[in-house]
Amino acid sequence: MNTEKLICAGFGGQGVMSMGMMIAYSGMIENKHVSWCPSYGPEMRGGTANCSVIVSDNEVASPIVINDATIVVVMNLPSFKKFESAVKTGGLLLINSSLISEKSSRTDIDVKYINANHIAEDINASKAANMVMLGALIKLKPIVEVETLTKAFLKVFGEDKAKFLPMNEEALSKGAMAV
């Protein structure tokens, strides 16, 4: 890996910010150069939310990812419509097919449809659809090690949430198996 530029997007409350933070923290733990830049809509929970994440072996000059994302993860239809075009040729688009029935018209990128909400519900972890998507992402593009995500989980959510770690590890695993 040299540099990966990601956009994680969805509604507030879907965990797109924490997904991005986990990738960024994992990169820091692995001594990579990272940036994480959040963008919120007018409301937090229920409003639009996205973040740009860069993980690189080199210094990051700018935290902004606009139309040159190597990876875009979309959790809802408005995010799909907004960010499908942001994936550069040869990049990866991960679509939460539980909430997005439209198909990508792009033939110059790799597109994967992950039934994230349904997979999360199947393991009784309805709030872990973001972790399912993260598991799929890391399986397809090993930007960071899966084991490092466990350490990052505790950094992002705090030690008091450690009791939720096994459920989230299962969601990561199911996401990886989905691709």
Protein backbone atom coordinates (compact mmCIF):
# COMPACT_ATOMS: atom_id res chain seq x y z
CA MET A 1 0.00 0.00 0.00
CA ASN A 2 1.21 3.45 -0.81
CA THR A 3 -1.80 5.74 -0.30
CA GLU A 4 -5.50 5.00 0.04
CA LYS A 5 -8.04 7.83 -0.03
CA LEU A 6 -11.44 6.90 1.37
CA ILE A 7 -14.84 8.45 1.73
CA CYS A 8 -17.28 6.86 4.18
CA ALA A 9 -20.80 8.26 3.82
CA GLY A 10 -24.31 7.73 5.14
CA PHE A 11 -26.89 9.12 7.55
CA GLY A 12 -25.84 10.29 10.98
CA GLY A 13 -26.17 7.36 13.35
CA GLN A 14 -25.02 4.72 10.83
CA GLY A 15 -21.47 4.79 12.18
CA VAL A 16 -19.72 6.27 9.16
CA MET A 17 -17.64 8.61 11.33
CA SER A 18 -16.59 5.83 13.68
CA MET A 19 -15.76 3.62 10.68
CA GLY A 20 -13.43 6.32 9.39
CA MET A 21 -11.97 6.94 12.84
CA MET A 22 -11.23 3.24 13.28
CA ILE A 23 -9.35 3.15 9.99
CA ALA A 24 -7.40 6.29 10.92
CA TYR A 25 -6.56 5.04 14.44
CA SER A 26 -5.52 1.67 13.02
CA GLY A 27 -3.22 3.42 10.58
CA MET A 28 -1.65 5.41 13.43
CA ILE A 29 -1.16 2.25 15.48
CA GLU A 30 0.60 0.72 12.47
CA ASN A 31 2.85 3.83 12.16
CA LYS A 32 1.30 5.03 8.93
CA HIS A 33 0.49 8.61 8.05
CA VAL A 34 -3.23 9.34 8.36
CA SER A 35 -5.85 12.03 8.19
CA TRP A 36 -9.52 11.98 9.14
CA CYS A 37 -11.77 14.83 8.10
CA PRO A 38 -15.46 14.74 9.14
CA SER A 39 -18.34 16.50 7.40
CA TYR A 40 -21.78 16.69 8.99
CA GLY A 41 -25.14 17.74 7.60
CA PRO A 42 -27.44 20.07 9.53
CA GLU A 43 -28.30 17.35 12.05
CA MET A 44 -26.05 14.68 13.46
CA ARG A 45 -28.26 11.63 13.99
CA GLY A 46 -30.43 11.28 10.89
CA GLY A 47 -28.70 14.01 8.89
CA THR A 48 -26.10 13.39 6.23
CA ALA A 49 -22.60 12.58 7.37
CA ASN A 50 -19.37 11.61 5.67
CA CYS A 51 -15.70 11.59 6.38
CA SER A 52 -12.55 11.53 4.32
CA VAL A 53 -9.76 9.27 5.47
CA ILE A 54 -6.27 9.00 4.04
CA VAL A 55 -3.88 6.23 5.05
CA SER A 56 -0.44 6.42 3.52
CA ASP A 57 3.13 5.26 3.77
CA ASN A 58 4.05 8.89 3.00
CA GLU A 59 3.16 12.17 4.68
CA VAL A 60 -0.36 13.38 3.94
CA ALA A 61 -0.27 16.82 2.31
CA SER A 62 -4.02 17.51 2.40
CA PRO A 63 -6.84 15.77 4.26
CA ILE A 64 -9.36 16.54 1.52
CA VAL A 65 -10.66 13.77 -0.74
CA ILE A 66 -12.95 15.10 -3.47
CA ASN A 67 -12.94 13.31 -6.82
CA ASP A 68 -9.91 11.07 -6.41
CA ALA A 69 -11.05 8.56 -3.80
CA THR A 70 -9.55 5.12 -4.18
CA ILE A 71 -12.36 3.72 -2.00
CA VAL A 72 -15.89 4.94 -1.29
CA VAL A 73 -18.21 3.25 1.21
CA VAL A 74 -21.86 4.33 0.96
CA MET A 75 -24.44 3.32 3.52
CA ASN A 76 -27.56 4.99 2.04
CA LEU A 77 -29.03 6.12 -1.29
CA PRO A 78 -28.32 9.88 -0.98
CA SER A 79 -24.66 9.07 -0.28
CA PHE A 80 -24.53 6.71 -3.25
CA LYS A 81 -25.90 9.41 -5.55
CA LYS A 82 -23.50 12.00 -4.18
CA PHE A 83 -20.26 9.99 -3.99
CA GLU A 84 -20.42 7.35 -6.76
CA SER A 85 -18.63 9.79 -9.08
CA ALA A 86 -15.91 10.49 -6.48
CA VAL A 87 -14.29 7.07 -7.02
CA LYS A 88 -11.34 7.39 -9.36
CA THR A 89 -10.92 4.94 -12.23
CA GLY A 90 -9.71 1.60 -10.90
CA GLY A 91 -11.06 2.34 -7.42
CA LEU A 92 -13.51 0.47 -5.20
CA LEU A 93 -17.13 1.34 -4.41
CA LEU A 94 -18.78 -0.55 -1.52
CA ILE A 95 -22.56 -0.26 -1.48
CA ASN A 96 -24.83 -1.18 1.43
CA SER A 97 -27.36 -3.13 -0.63
CA SER A 98 -29.67 -3.45 2.38
CA LEU A 99 -30.65 0.18 1.89
CA ILE A 100 -29.57 0.88 -1.69
CA SER A 101 -31.38 -1.00 -4.43
CA GLU A 102 -29.88 1.02 -7.30
CA LYS A 103 -26.92 -0.42 -9.17
CA SER A 104 -23.82 1.48 -10.15
CA SER A 105 -23.50 2.37 -13.81
CA ARG A 106 -19.72 2.67 -13.55
CA THR A 107 -17.71 0.10 -15.48
CA ASP A 108 -14.29 1.63 -14.72
CA ILE A 109 -14.33 0.73 -11.01
CA ASP A 110 -14.79 -2.35 -8.84
CA VAL A 111 -18.26 -2.33 -7.26
CA LYS A 112 -19.29 -4.61 -4.41
CA TYR A 113 -22.77 -4.88 -2.94
CA ILE A 114 -22.82 -5.82 0.74
CA ASN A 115 -26.11 -6.63 2.46
CA ALA A 116 -24.72 -4.99 5.61
CA ASN A 117 -27.87 -4.30 7.61
CA HIS A 118 -29.24 -7.79 7.05
CA ILE A 119 -25.93 -9.41 7.95
CA ALA A 120 -25.76 -7.32 11.14
CA GLU A 121 -29.34 -8.28 12.04
CA ASP A 122 -28.55 -11.97 11.46
CA ILE A 123 -25.93 -11.82 14.21
CA ASN A 124 -28.22 -9.79 16.52
CA ALA A 125 -26.08 -6.70 16.09
CA SER A 126 -28.34 -4.33 14.17
CA LYS A 127 -26.12 -1.33 14.97
CA ALA A 128 -23.03 -3.03 13.52
CA ALA A 129 -23.77 -2.64 9.79
CA ASN A 130 -20.83 -0.23 9.63
CA MET A 131 -18.57 -2.95 11.04
CA VAL A 132 -19.85 -5.40 8.43
CA MET A 133 -18.91 -2.88 5.73
CA LEU A 134 -15.53 -2.32 7.38
CA GLY A 135 -14.87 -6.07 7.42
CA ALA A 136 -15.67 -6.27 3.70
CA LEU A 137 -13.45 -3.28 2.99
CA ILE A 138 -10.43 -4.66 4.84
CA LYS A 139 -10.84 -8.05 3.15
CA LEU A 140 -10.83 -6.41 -0.29
CA LYS A 141 -8.22 -3.74 0.48
CA PRO A 142 -6.05 -4.61 3.49
CA ILE A 143 -5.26 -1.00 4.35
CA VAL A 144 -4.72 -2.02 7.98
CA GLU A 145 -4.62 -5.32 9.83
CA VAL A 146 -7.86 -6.73 11.21
CA GLU A 147 -6.16 -7.22 14.59
CA THR A 148 -5.30 -3.53 14.69
CA LEU A 149 -8.98 -2.66 14.29
CA THR A 150 -9.61 -4.28 17.68
CA LYS A 151 -7.17 -1.89 19.31
CA ALA A 152 -8.67 1.00 17.37
CA PHE A 153 -12.18 0.00 18.50
CA LEU A 154 -11.17 0.61 22.11
CA LYS A 155 -9.58 3.96 21.19
CA VAL A 156 -12.68 5.15 19.33
CA PHE A 157 -15.35 3.84 21.70
CA GLY A 158 -13.44 3.66 25.00
CA GLU A 159 -12.56 0.83 27.35
CA ASP A 160 -16.06 0.84 28.84
CA LYS A 161 -17.38 -0.46 25.48
CA ALA A 162 -15.01 -3.46 25.46
CA LYS A 163 -18.00 -5.71 26.21
CA PHE A 164 -19.22 -4.99 22.66
CA LEU A 165 -15.93 -6.01 21.06
CA PRO A 166 -16.82 -9.71 20.42
CA MET A 167 -20.04 -8.70 18.63
CA ASN A 168 -18.15 -6.19 16.50
CA GLU A 169 -15.40 -8.68 15.72
CA GLU A 170 -18.09 -11.08 14.50
CA ALA A 171 -19.54 -8.30 12.32
CA LEU A 172 -16.07 -7.67 10.83
CA SER A 173 -15.71 -11.38 10.12
CA LYS A 174 -19.16 -11.67 8.51
CA GLY A 175 -18.40 -8.64 6.35
CA ALA A 176 -15.17 -10.23 5.16
CA MET A 177 -17.02 -13.44 4.35
CA ALA A 178 -19.64 -11.49 2.38
CA VAL A 179 -17.07 -10.65 -0.27
